[in-house]
Amino acid sequence: MNTNRLESFSDGVLAVAITLLVLDIVVPKPGSGPLAHELGTRWPSYAAYVTSFLTIGIIWINHHAMISRLRGVDRVILMLNLVLLMTVGVIPFATSLMATYLKLGHGQTLAAGIYGGVLLAMSISFSVMNWHILFRKHHMLGERIEHERRRLILRRSIRGLLPYAVATGLAPVSPYLTLAICAAIAVYYALPLGSGG
């Protein structure tokens, strides 16, 4: 099977996930207080939205780079892609959970742990798929890539694993630190050097 159907389906799932993020940003009800104050109290929603939007956007960019290396896909690649998309599909839920409970002031530790854990699961599934393509299915690559170059591409793509694990582990210490680390990872991967290459 060629890569077109996989990319089209993946683009659709990623587009839905990134669109769902905005549903957590609500307009303050008139008369509930000064507009500036009401908007200010909703900063966790904005921060979580930007972090998750960047994260899904970077997944989309690096997913395209990963799949465009292939001349075709097999059942294993399709299944690994489904696992990756499943993890991406719950990012909007985790984002909403994080934003809601940061504002409430209780339950925020668990919400931050779930948010970090979902992003960690996404990073693991992306890395496993990338490793599988680069090393187990390198004969399916459109162009030959030297072993050292494949190792470099994989190293770049797995750099987020440890920070996501740290962010998840630090949720009981500070949910805000979890969000800040996840935001920093998104910014890192948005930069050319952080790209999965």
N, C-alpha and C. Protein backbone atom coordinates (compact mmCIF):
# COMPACT_ATOMS: atom_id res chain seq x y z
N MET A 1 0.84 -1.18 0.00
CA MET A 1 0.00 0.00 0.00
C MET A 1 0.89 1.25 0.00
N ASN A 2 0.50 2.24 -0.80
CA ASN A 2 1.28 3.49 -0.76
C ASN A 2 0.93 4.29 0.48
N THR A 3 1.61 5.39 0.66
CA THR A 3 1.48 6.16 1.90
C THR A 3 0.33 7.16 1.88
N ASN A 4 -0.31 7.35 0.73
CA ASN A 4 -1.32 8.41 0.61
C ASN A 4 -2.50 8.23 1.56
N ARG A 5 -3.03 7.01 1.64
CA ARG A 5 -4.19 6.79 2.51
C ARG A 5 -3.81 6.98 3.98
N LEU A 6 -2.63 6.50 4.36
CA LEU A 6 -2.18 6.65 5.74
C LEU A 6 -2.07 8.14 6.08
N GLU A 7 -1.45 8.91 5.20
CA GLU A 7 -1.27 10.34 5.46
C GLU A 7 -2.60 11.08 5.49
N SER A 8 -3.52 10.72 4.58
CA SER A 8 -4.82 11.40 4.54
C SER A 8 -5.60 11.14 5.81
N PHE A 9 -5.64 9.87 6.24
CA PHE A 9 -6.35 9.53 7.47
C PHE A 9 -5.71 10.21 8.68
N SER A 10 -4.39 10.17 8.74
CA SER A 10 -3.67 10.80 9.85
C SER A 10 -3.90 12.29 9.89
N ASP A 11 -3.86 12.95 8.73
CA ASP A 11 -4.12 14.39 8.66
C ASP A 11 -5.51 14.71 9.19
N GLY A 12 -6.49 13.87 8.87
CA GLY A 12 -7.84 14.09 9.35
C GLY A 12 -7.94 14.00 10.86
N VAL A 13 -7.32 12.96 11.44
CA VAL A 13 -7.35 12.79 12.90
C VAL A 13 -6.64 13.95 13.58
N LEU A 14 -5.48 14.33 13.07
CA LEU A 14 -4.73 15.44 13.67
C LEU A 14 -5.50 16.75 13.55
N ALA A 15 -6.18 16.96 12.43
CA ALA A 15 -6.97 18.18 12.24
C ALA A 15 -8.12 18.24 13.24
N VAL A 16 -8.79 17.12 13.45
CA VAL A 16 -9.89 17.09 14.41
C VAL A 16 -9.36 17.35 15.82
N ALA A 17 -8.25 16.70 16.18
CA ALA A 17 -7.68 16.86 17.52
C ALA A 17 -7.28 18.31 17.78
N ILE A 18 -6.65 18.93 16.81
CA ILE A 18 -6.18 20.31 17.01
C ILE A 18 -7.37 21.28 17.05
N THR A 19 -8.45 20.94 16.33
CA THR A 19 -9.65 21.79 16.34
C THR A 19 -10.39 21.67 17.67
N LEU A 20 -10.44 20.46 18.23
CA LEU A 20 -11.14 20.25 19.50
C LEU A 20 -10.53 21.06 20.64
N LEU A 21 -9.25 21.40 20.52
CA LEU A 21 -8.58 22.14 21.59
C LEU A 21 -9.27 23.48 21.89
N VAL A 22 -9.79 24.11 20.86
CA VAL A 22 -10.34 25.46 21.04
C VAL A 22 -11.66 25.43 21.80
N LEU A 23 -12.30 24.28 21.88
CA LEU A 23 -13.60 24.19 22.56
C LEU A 23 -13.50 24.50 24.05
N ASP A 24 -12.30 24.37 24.61
CA ASP A 24 -12.12 24.65 26.04
C ASP A 24 -11.96 26.14 26.33
N ILE A 25 -11.80 26.93 25.28
CA ILE A 25 -11.67 28.38 25.46
C ILE A 25 -13.05 29.00 25.31
N VAL A 26 -13.59 29.44 26.44
CA VAL A 26 -14.96 29.96 26.43
C VAL A 26 -14.96 31.46 26.71
N VAL A 27 -15.96 32.12 26.15
CA VAL A 27 -16.13 33.56 26.36
C VAL A 27 -16.74 33.76 27.74
N PRO A 28 -16.17 34.65 28.55
CA PRO A 28 -16.76 34.93 29.88
C PRO A 28 -18.18 35.49 29.73
N LYS A 29 -19.05 35.08 30.65
CA LYS A 29 -20.42 35.57 30.61
C LYS A 29 -20.44 37.05 31.00
N PRO A 30 -21.16 37.87 30.25
CA PRO A 30 -21.27 39.29 30.61
C PRO A 30 -21.89 39.44 32.00
N GLY A 31 -21.34 40.36 32.79
CA GLY A 31 -21.86 40.63 34.11
C GLY A 31 -21.23 39.79 35.20
N SER A 32 -20.33 38.87 34.84
CA SER A 32 -19.70 38.02 35.86
C SER A 32 -18.50 38.71 36.51
N GLY A 33 -18.14 39.88 36.02
CA GLY A 33 -17.01 40.63 36.54
C GLY A 33 -16.36 41.41 35.43
N PRO A 34 -15.37 42.24 35.75
CA PRO A 34 -14.65 42.97 34.69
C PRO A 34 -14.05 42.00 33.67
N LEU A 35 -14.20 42.33 32.40
CA LEU A 35 -13.77 41.43 31.34
C LEU A 35 -12.28 41.09 31.46
N ALA A 36 -11.46 42.10 31.73
CA ALA A 36 -10.01 41.85 31.85
C ALA A 36 -9.72 40.85 32.96
N HIS A 37 -10.41 40.98 34.08
CA HIS A 37 -10.20 40.04 35.20
C HIS A 37 -10.65 38.63 34.81
N GLU A 38 -11.82 38.54 34.18
CA GLU A 38 -12.36 37.24 33.79
C GLU A 38 -11.45 36.55 32.77
N LEU A 39 -10.94 37.32 31.83
CA LEU A 39 -10.00 36.75 30.85
C LEU A 39 -8.72 36.30 31.55
N GLY A 40 -8.26 37.11 32.50
CA GLY A 40 -7.03 36.78 33.23
C GLY A 40 -7.14 35.50 34.04
N THR A 41 -8.32 35.24 34.60
CA THR A 41 -8.48 34.03 35.42
C THR A 41 -8.51 32.77 34.56
N ARG A 42 -8.67 32.96 33.27
CA ARG A 42 -8.72 31.81 32.36
C ARG A 42 -7.36 31.50 31.73
N TRP A 43 -6.28 32.06 32.27
CA TRP A 43 -4.96 31.86 31.67
C TRP A 43 -4.56 30.38 31.56
N PRO A 44 -4.96 29.50 32.50
CA PRO A 44 -4.58 28.10 32.31
C PRO A 44 -5.13 27.51 31.01
N SER A 45 -6.33 27.91 30.64
CA SER A 45 -6.91 27.43 29.38
C SER A 45 -6.08 27.88 28.19
N TYR A 46 -5.63 29.14 28.23
CA TYR A 46 -4.83 29.67 27.11
C TYR A 46 -3.46 28.98 27.05
N ALA A 47 -2.84 28.82 28.22
CA ALA A 47 -1.51 28.19 28.25
C ALA A 47 -1.58 26.74 27.80
N ALA A 48 -2.58 26.01 28.27
CA ALA A 48 -2.73 24.60 27.88
C ALA A 48 -3.06 24.50 26.39
N TYR A 49 -3.90 25.43 25.90
CA TYR A 49 -4.25 25.44 24.47
C TYR A 49 -3.01 25.65 23.60
N VAL A 50 -2.22 26.67 23.92
CA VAL A 50 -1.02 26.96 23.12
C VAL A 50 -0.05 25.79 23.15
N THR A 51 0.17 25.22 24.34
CA THR A 51 1.09 24.08 24.48
C THR A 51 0.61 22.90 23.64
N SER A 52 -0.66 22.56 23.76
CA SER A 52 -1.17 21.40 23.03
C SER A 52 -1.28 21.66 21.53
N PHE A 53 -1.64 22.89 21.15
CA PHE A 53 -1.71 23.23 19.73
C PHE A 53 -0.33 23.09 19.09
N LEU A 54 0.68 23.65 19.75
CA LEU A 54 2.04 23.52 19.23
C LEU A 54 2.47 22.05 19.16
N THR A 55 2.13 21.30 20.20
CA THR A 55 2.51 19.89 20.25
C THR A 55 1.90 19.12 19.09
N ILE A 56 0.60 19.26 18.88
CA ILE A 56 -0.05 18.55 17.77
C ILE A 56 0.46 19.05 16.43
N GLY A 57 0.70 20.36 16.33
CA GLY A 57 1.26 20.90 15.08
C GLY A 57 2.62 20.31 14.75
N ILE A 58 3.46 20.16 15.77
CA ILE A 58 4.79 19.58 15.56
C ILE A 58 4.68 18.09 15.23
N ILE A 59 3.72 17.41 15.86
CA ILE A 59 3.49 16.00 15.51
C ILE A 59 3.13 15.90 14.03
N TRP A 60 2.26 16.79 13.57
CA TRP A 60 1.84 16.78 12.16
C TRP A 60 3.04 16.98 11.23
N ILE A 61 3.89 17.96 11.56
CA ILE A 61 5.06 18.23 10.72
C ILE A 61 6.02 17.03 10.71
N ASN A 62 6.33 16.51 11.89
CA ASN A 62 7.29 15.41 11.97
C ASN A 62 6.70 14.08 11.48
N HIS A 63 5.39 13.92 11.61
CA HIS A 63 4.72 12.73 11.06
C HIS A 63 4.87 12.74 9.54
N HIS A 64 4.66 13.90 8.94
CA HIS A 64 4.83 14.01 7.48
C HIS A 64 6.26 13.66 7.08
N ALA A 65 7.24 14.17 7.83
CA ALA A 65 8.65 13.88 7.51
C ALA A 65 8.91 12.38 7.65
N MET A 66 8.36 11.75 8.68
CA MET A 66 8.58 10.33 8.91
C MET A 66 7.97 9.48 7.79
N ILE A 67 6.73 9.78 7.42
CA ILE A 67 6.03 8.98 6.42
C ILE A 67 6.56 9.25 5.01
N SER A 68 7.00 10.49 4.75
CA SER A 68 7.48 10.81 3.40
C SER A 68 8.78 10.08 3.06
N ARG A 69 9.44 9.51 4.07
CA ARG A 69 10.64 8.71 3.80
C ARG A 69 10.29 7.35 3.18
N LEU A 70 9.05 6.92 3.33
CA LEU A 70 8.64 5.59 2.90
C LEU A 70 8.15 5.58 1.46
N ARG A 71 8.37 4.48 0.78
CA ARG A 71 7.78 4.30 -0.55
C ARG A 71 6.46 3.53 -0.45
N GLY A 72 6.22 2.91 0.70
CA GLY A 72 4.99 2.16 0.93
C GLY A 72 4.88 1.83 2.41
N VAL A 73 3.72 1.30 2.81
CA VAL A 73 3.50 0.92 4.20
C VAL A 73 2.97 -0.50 4.26
N ASP A 74 3.18 -1.15 5.41
CA ASP A 74 2.63 -2.48 5.63
C ASP A 74 1.71 -2.45 6.84
N ARG A 75 1.19 -3.61 7.20
CA ARG A 75 0.22 -3.70 8.30
C ARG A 75 0.80 -3.23 9.63
N VAL A 76 2.06 -3.56 9.90
CA VAL A 76 2.67 -3.17 11.18
C VAL A 76 2.77 -1.65 11.27
N ILE A 77 3.19 -1.01 10.21
CA ILE A 77 3.27 0.46 10.20
C ILE A 77 1.89 1.07 10.38
N LEU A 78 0.89 0.49 9.73
CA LEU A 78 -0.48 0.99 9.89
C LEU A 78 -0.94 0.87 11.34
N MET A 79 -0.64 -0.26 11.98
CA MET A 79 -1.05 -0.46 13.37
C MET A 79 -0.32 0.50 14.31
N LEU A 80 0.98 0.70 14.09
CA LEU A 80 1.75 1.64 14.91
C LEU A 80 1.21 3.05 14.72
N ASN A 81 0.81 3.37 13.50
CA ASN A 81 0.24 4.69 13.23
C ASN A 81 -1.09 4.87 13.97
N LEU A 82 -1.89 3.81 14.03
CA LEU A 82 -3.16 3.88 14.76
C LEU A 82 -2.92 4.13 16.25
N VAL A 83 -1.90 3.46 16.81
CA VAL A 83 -1.58 3.68 18.23
C VAL A 83 -1.16 5.13 18.45
N LEU A 84 -0.33 5.66 17.55
CA LEU A 84 0.07 7.06 17.66
C LEU A 84 -1.14 7.99 17.60
N LEU A 85 -2.03 7.75 16.64
CA LEU A 85 -3.22 8.60 16.50
C LEU A 85 -4.15 8.47 17.71
N MET A 86 -4.19 7.29 18.32
CA MET A 86 -5.01 7.12 19.52
C MET A 86 -4.50 8.01 20.64
N THR A 87 -3.18 8.09 20.78
CA THR A 87 -2.62 8.95 21.84
C THR A 87 -2.86 10.43 21.53
N VAL A 88 -2.76 10.79 20.25
CA VAL A 88 -3.02 12.18 19.86
C VAL A 88 -4.49 12.53 20.09
N GLY A 89 -5.38 11.56 19.84
CA GLY A 89 -6.80 11.78 19.99
C GLY A 89 -7.24 12.15 21.40
N VAL A 90 -6.47 11.75 22.42
CA VAL A 90 -6.86 12.08 23.80
C VAL A 90 -6.17 13.35 24.31
N ILE A 91 -5.32 13.97 23.50
CA ILE A 91 -4.68 15.22 23.92
C ILE A 91 -5.71 16.31 24.22
N PRO A 92 -6.77 16.48 23.40
CA PRO A 92 -7.76 17.51 23.75
C PRO A 92 -8.42 17.25 25.11
N PHE A 93 -8.74 16.00 25.43
CA PHE A 93 -9.32 15.68 26.74
C PHE A 93 -8.34 16.03 27.85
N ALA A 94 -7.08 15.61 27.70
CA ALA A 94 -6.07 15.89 28.74
C ALA A 94 -5.84 17.38 28.89
N THR A 95 -5.90 18.12 27.79
CA THR A 95 -5.72 19.57 27.82
C THR A 95 -6.87 20.23 28.59
N SER A 96 -8.09 19.81 28.28
CA SER A 96 -9.25 20.36 28.97
C SER A 96 -9.22 20.03 30.46
N LEU A 97 -8.83 18.81 30.78
CA LEU A 97 -8.72 18.39 32.18
C LEU A 97 -7.71 19.27 32.92
N MET A 98 -6.54 19.45 32.31
CA MET A 98 -5.48 20.25 32.92
C MET A 98 -5.95 21.70 33.14
N ALA A 99 -6.51 22.30 32.10
CA ALA A 99 -6.96 23.70 32.19
C ALA A 99 -8.05 23.87 33.23
N THR A 100 -9.00 22.96 33.26
CA THR A 100 -10.12 23.05 34.20
C THR A 100 -9.65 22.94 35.65
N TYR A 101 -8.81 21.96 35.93
CA TYR A 101 -8.44 21.73 37.32
C TYR A 101 -7.34 22.67 37.81
N LEU A 102 -6.57 23.25 36.92
CA LEU A 102 -5.64 24.31 37.35
C LEU A 102 -6.43 25.51 37.86
N LYS A 103 -7.57 25.79 37.22
CA LYS A 103 -8.40 26.93 37.62
C LYS A 103 -9.14 26.66 38.94
N LEU A 104 -9.52 25.39 39.15
CA LEU A 104 -10.30 25.05 40.35
C LEU A 104 -9.46 25.03 41.61
N GLY A 105 -8.19 24.66 41.48
CA GLY A 105 -7.33 24.63 42.65
C GLY A 105 -7.38 23.33 43.43
N HIS A 106 -8.14 22.34 42.98
CA HIS A 106 -8.10 21.00 43.58
C HIS A 106 -8.16 19.98 42.44
N GLY A 107 -7.55 18.84 42.65
CA GLY A 107 -7.48 17.83 41.60
C GLY A 107 -6.44 18.14 40.55
N GLN A 108 -5.72 19.25 40.75
CA GLN A 108 -4.77 19.68 39.73
C GLN A 108 -3.57 18.75 39.59
N THR A 109 -3.18 18.09 40.68
CA THR A 109 -2.04 17.17 40.62
C THR A 109 -2.34 16.00 39.69
N LEU A 110 -3.50 15.37 39.87
CA LEU A 110 -3.88 14.25 39.01
C LEU A 110 -4.07 14.71 37.58
N ALA A 111 -4.72 15.86 37.39
CA ALA A 111 -4.94 16.38 36.04
C ALA A 111 -3.61 16.62 35.32
N ALA A 112 -2.63 17.19 36.04
CA ALA A 112 -1.31 17.44 35.45
C ALA A 112 -0.61 16.12 35.14
N GLY A 113 -0.75 15.14 36.03
CA GLY A 113 -0.14 13.84 35.79
C GLY A 113 -0.72 13.16 34.56
N ILE A 114 -2.04 13.28 34.39
CA ILE A 114 -2.68 12.70 33.20
C ILE A 114 -2.22 13.43 31.95
N TYR A 115 -2.15 14.76 32.03
CA TYR A 115 -1.70 15.55 30.87
C TYR A 115 -0.28 15.15 30.46
N GLY A 116 0.63 15.14 31.44
CA GLY A 116 2.01 14.74 31.14
C GLY A 116 2.08 13.31 30.65
N GLY A 117 1.28 12.43 31.25
CA GLY A 117 1.28 11.02 30.86
C GLY A 117 0.79 10.80 29.44
N VAL A 118 -0.23 11.56 29.03
CA VAL A 118 -0.73 11.45 27.66
C VAL A 118 0.33 11.91 26.66
N LEU A 119 1.01 13.01 26.97
CA LEU A 119 2.06 13.49 26.07
C LEU A 119 3.25 12.53 26.06
N LEU A 120 3.54 11.92 27.20
CA LEU A 120 4.60 10.90 27.25
C LEU A 120 4.22 9.69 26.39
N ALA A 121 2.97 9.24 26.50
CA ALA A 121 2.51 8.10 25.69
C ALA A 121 2.59 8.43 24.20
N MET A 122 2.21 9.67 23.84
CA MET A 122 2.31 10.08 22.44
C MET A 122 3.76 10.04 21.98
N SER A 123 4.67 10.56 22.82
CA SER A 123 6.09 10.60 22.46
C SER A 123 6.66 9.19 22.31
N ILE A 124 6.27 8.29 23.19
CA ILE A 124 6.73 6.90 23.10
C ILE A 124 6.23 6.26 21.81
N SER A 125 4.94 6.43 21.52
CA SER A 125 4.38 5.80 20.32
C SER A 125 5.00 6.38 19.05
N PHE A 126 5.27 7.70 19.03
CA PHE A 126 5.92 8.30 17.87
C PHE A 126 7.33 7.74 17.71
N SER A 127 8.05 7.64 18.82
CA SER A 127 9.43 7.14 18.77
C SER A 127 9.50 5.68 18.33
N VAL A 128 8.57 4.86 18.82
CA VAL A 128 8.54 3.44 18.43
C VAL A 128 8.26 3.33 16.94
N MET A 129 7.31 4.10 16.44
CA MET A 129 7.00 4.06 15.01
C MET A 129 8.18 4.52 14.18
N ASN A 130 8.82 5.59 14.60
CA ASN A 130 9.98 6.11 13.88
C ASN A 130 11.12 5.08 13.88
N TRP A 131 11.37 4.46 15.04
CA TRP A 131 12.41 3.43 15.14
C TRP A 131 12.08 2.26 14.21
N HIS A 132 10.84 1.84 14.21
CA HIS A 132 10.42 0.71 13.38
C HIS A 132 10.66 1.00 11.89
N ILE A 133 10.28 2.21 11.47
CA ILE A 133 10.47 2.60 10.07
C ILE A 133 11.95 2.68 9.72
N LEU A 134 12.73 3.33 10.59
CA LEU A 134 14.14 3.58 10.28
C LEU A 134 15.02 2.35 10.37
N PHE A 135 14.66 1.39 11.24
CA PHE A 135 15.56 0.25 11.46
C PHE A 135 14.96 -1.10 11.11
N ARG A 136 13.69 -1.32 11.38
CA ARG A 136 13.09 -2.61 11.04
C ARG A 136 12.60 -2.63 9.60
N LYS A 137 12.19 -1.47 9.08
CA LYS A 137 11.63 -1.40 7.72
C LYS A 137 12.46 -0.49 6.82
N HIS A 138 13.76 -0.39 7.09
CA HIS A 138 14.59 0.51 6.29
C HIS A 138 14.61 0.11 4.81
N HIS A 139 14.29 -1.17 4.51
CA HIS A 139 14.22 -1.61 3.11
C HIS A 139 13.01 -1.01 2.40
N MET A 140 12.06 -0.43 3.17
CA MET A 140 10.88 0.20 2.56
C MET A 140 11.05 1.70 2.38
N LEU A 141 12.21 2.22 2.75
CA LEU A 141 12.47 3.65 2.56
C LEU A 141 12.58 3.98 1.08
N GLY A 142 12.09 5.15 0.72
CA GLY A 142 12.14 5.57 -0.68
C GLY A 142 13.56 5.77 -1.18
N GLU A 143 14.41 6.29 -0.32
CA GLU A 143 15.83 6.48 -0.64
C GLU A 143 16.66 5.86 0.47
N ARG A 144 17.82 5.37 0.11
CA ARG A 144 18.70 4.76 1.09
C ARG A 144 19.23 5.83 2.04
N ILE A 145 19.12 5.56 3.34
CA ILE A 145 19.66 6.47 4.35
C ILE A 145 20.69 5.70 5.14
N GLU A 146 21.89 6.25 5.23
CA GLU A 146 22.96 5.59 5.97
C GLU A 146 22.57 5.34 7.42
N HIS A 147 23.11 4.27 7.98
CA HIS A 147 22.79 3.86 9.35
C HIS A 147 23.01 5.00 10.35
N GLU A 148 24.12 5.70 10.24
CA GLU A 148 24.42 6.78 11.18
C GLU A 148 23.41 7.92 11.07
N ARG A 149 22.98 8.22 9.84
CA ARG A 149 21.98 9.26 9.63
C ARG A 149 20.64 8.83 10.24
N ARG A 150 20.29 7.55 10.11
CA ARG A 150 19.05 7.05 10.71
C ARG A 150 19.12 7.14 12.23
N ARG A 151 20.26 6.84 12.80
CA ARG A 151 20.44 6.96 14.25
C ARG A 151 20.28 8.40 14.71
N LEU A 152 20.82 9.33 13.94
CA LEU A 152 20.71 10.75 14.28
C LEU A 152 19.24 11.21 14.24
N ILE A 153 18.50 10.80 13.21
CA ILE A 153 17.08 11.15 13.10
C ILE A 153 16.32 10.61 14.30
N LEU A 154 16.59 9.35 14.66
CA LEU A 154 15.89 8.75 15.80
C LEU A 154 16.25 9.46 17.11
N ARG A 155 17.53 9.78 17.30
CA ARG A 155 17.95 10.47 18.53
C ARG A 155 17.22 11.80 18.68
N ARG A 156 17.07 12.53 17.58
CA ARG A 156 16.36 13.80 17.63
C ARG A 156 14.90 13.60 18.02
N SER A 157 14.30 12.52 17.51
CA SER A 157 12.87 12.33 17.77
C SER A 157 12.59 11.83 19.18
N ILE A 158 13.58 11.22 19.85
CA ILE A 158 13.31 10.67 21.19
C ILE A 158 13.76 11.61 22.32
N ARG A 159 14.26 12.77 21.97
CA ARG A 159 14.73 13.70 23.01
C ARG A 159 13.62 14.15 23.94
N GLY A 160 12.39 14.07 23.52
CA GLY A 160 11.28 14.50 24.37
C GLY A 160 10.88 13.48 25.42
N LEU A 161 11.31 12.23 25.26
CA LEU A 161 10.87 11.18 26.18
C LEU A 161 11.21 11.48 27.64
N LEU A 162 12.45 11.78 27.91
CA LEU A 162 12.87 12.04 29.29
C LEU A 162 12.20 13.28 29.88
N PRO A 163 12.17 14.42 29.15
CA PRO A 163 11.48 15.58 29.71
C PRO A 163 9.99 15.34 29.97
N TYR A 164 9.31 14.59 29.08
CA TYR A 164 7.90 14.27 29.32
C TYR A 164 7.76 13.39 30.56
N ALA A 165 8.68 12.45 30.74
CA ALA A 165 8.64 11.60 31.94
C ALA A 165 8.87 12.44 33.20
N VAL A 166 9.82 13.39 33.12
CA VAL A 166 10.08 14.28 34.26
C VAL A 166 8.86 15.15 34.54
N ALA A 167 8.26 15.70 33.49
CA ALA A 167 7.07 16.54 33.65
C ALA A 167 5.95 15.76 34.33
N THR A 168 5.76 14.52 33.92
CA THR A 168 4.72 13.68 34.52
C THR A 168 5.04 13.39 35.98
N GLY A 169 6.30 13.06 36.26
CA GLY A 169 6.72 12.76 37.62
C GLY A 169 6.65 13.95 38.56
N LEU A 170 6.78 15.15 38.00
CA LEU A 170 6.76 16.35 38.84
C LEU A 170 5.35 16.90 39.08
N ALA A 171 4.34 16.25 38.50
CA ALA A 171 2.96 16.73 38.69
C ALA A 171 2.57 16.86 40.16
N PRO A 172 2.95 15.90 41.05
CA PRO A 172 2.60 16.07 42.47
C PRO A 172 3.34 17.23 43.13
N VAL A 173 4.49 17.61 42.58
CA VAL A 173 5.27 18.72 43.14
C VAL A 173 4.67 20.05 42.71
N SER A 174 4.42 20.19 41.39
CA SER A 174 3.86 21.42 40.86
C SER A 174 3.22 21.18 39.50
N PRO A 175 1.89 21.24 39.41
CA PRO A 175 1.23 21.11 38.11
C PRO A 175 1.67 22.18 37.12
N TYR A 176 2.02 23.35 37.66
CA TYR A 176 2.46 24.45 36.79
C TYR A 176 3.82 24.12 36.16
N LEU A 177 4.66 23.42 36.90
CA LEU A 177 5.95 22.99 36.37
C LEU A 177 5.75 21.96 35.27
N THR A 178 4.78 21.07 35.47
CA THR A 178 4.45 20.09 34.43
C THR A 178 4.06 20.80 33.14
N LEU A 179 3.17 21.78 33.25
CA LEU A 179 2.73 22.53 32.07
C LEU A 179 3.89 23.29 31.44
N ALA A 180 4.75 23.89 32.27
CA ALA A 180 5.89 24.65 31.75
C ALA A 180 6.86 23.75 31.00
N ILE A 181 7.14 22.56 31.54
CA ILE A 181 8.07 21.63 30.87
C ILE A 181 7.48 21.17 29.54
N CYS A 182 6.18 20.84 29.54
CA CYS A 182 5.53 20.42 28.29
C CYS A 182 5.55 21.54 27.26
N ALA A 183 5.36 22.78 27.71
CA ALA A 183 5.43 23.92 26.80
C ALA A 183 6.85 24.08 26.24
N ALA A 184 7.86 23.90 27.10
CA ALA A 184 9.25 24.01 26.66
C ALA A 184 9.58 22.94 25.62
N ILE A 185 9.06 21.74 25.80
CA ILE A 185 9.29 20.66 24.83
C ILE A 185 8.67 21.04 23.48
N ALA A 186 7.45 21.59 23.52
CA ALA A 186 6.79 22.01 22.28
C ALA A 186 7.61 23.07 21.55
N VAL A 187 8.12 24.04 22.30
CA VAL A 187 8.95 25.10 21.69
C VAL A 187 10.23 24.49 21.12
N TYR A 188 10.85 23.57 21.87
CA TYR A 188 12.08 22.93 21.38
C TYR A 188 11.86 22.24 20.05
N TYR A 189 10.77 21.44 19.96
CA TYR A 189 10.50 20.73 18.72
C TYR A 189 10.04 21.65 17.60
N ALA A 190 9.57 22.85 17.95
CA ALA A 190 9.18 23.82 16.91
C ALA A 190 10.40 24.44 16.24
N LEU A 191 11.55 24.40 16.93
CA LEU A 191 12.77 24.95 16.38
C LEU A 191 13.39 23.95 15.40
N PRO A 192 14.10 24.44 14.37
CA PRO A 192 14.68 23.53 13.37
C PRO A 192 15.56 22.44 13.97
N LEU A 193 16.35 22.74 15.00
CA LEU A 193 17.23 21.74 15.60
C LEU A 193 16.46 20.67 16.35
N GLY A 194 15.25 20.99 16.79
CA GLY A 194 14.45 20.01 17.51
C GLY A 194 13.64 19.10 16.61
N SER A 195 13.64 19.41 15.31
CA SER A 195 12.84 18.65 14.37
C SER A 195 13.29 17.20 14.31
N GLY A 196 12.33 16.34 14.05
CA GLY A 196 12.64 14.92 13.88
C GLY A 196 13.39 14.65 12.61
N GLY A 197 13.61 15.65 11.81
CA GLY A 197 14.52 15.65 10.72
C GLY A 197 14.25 15.02 9.46
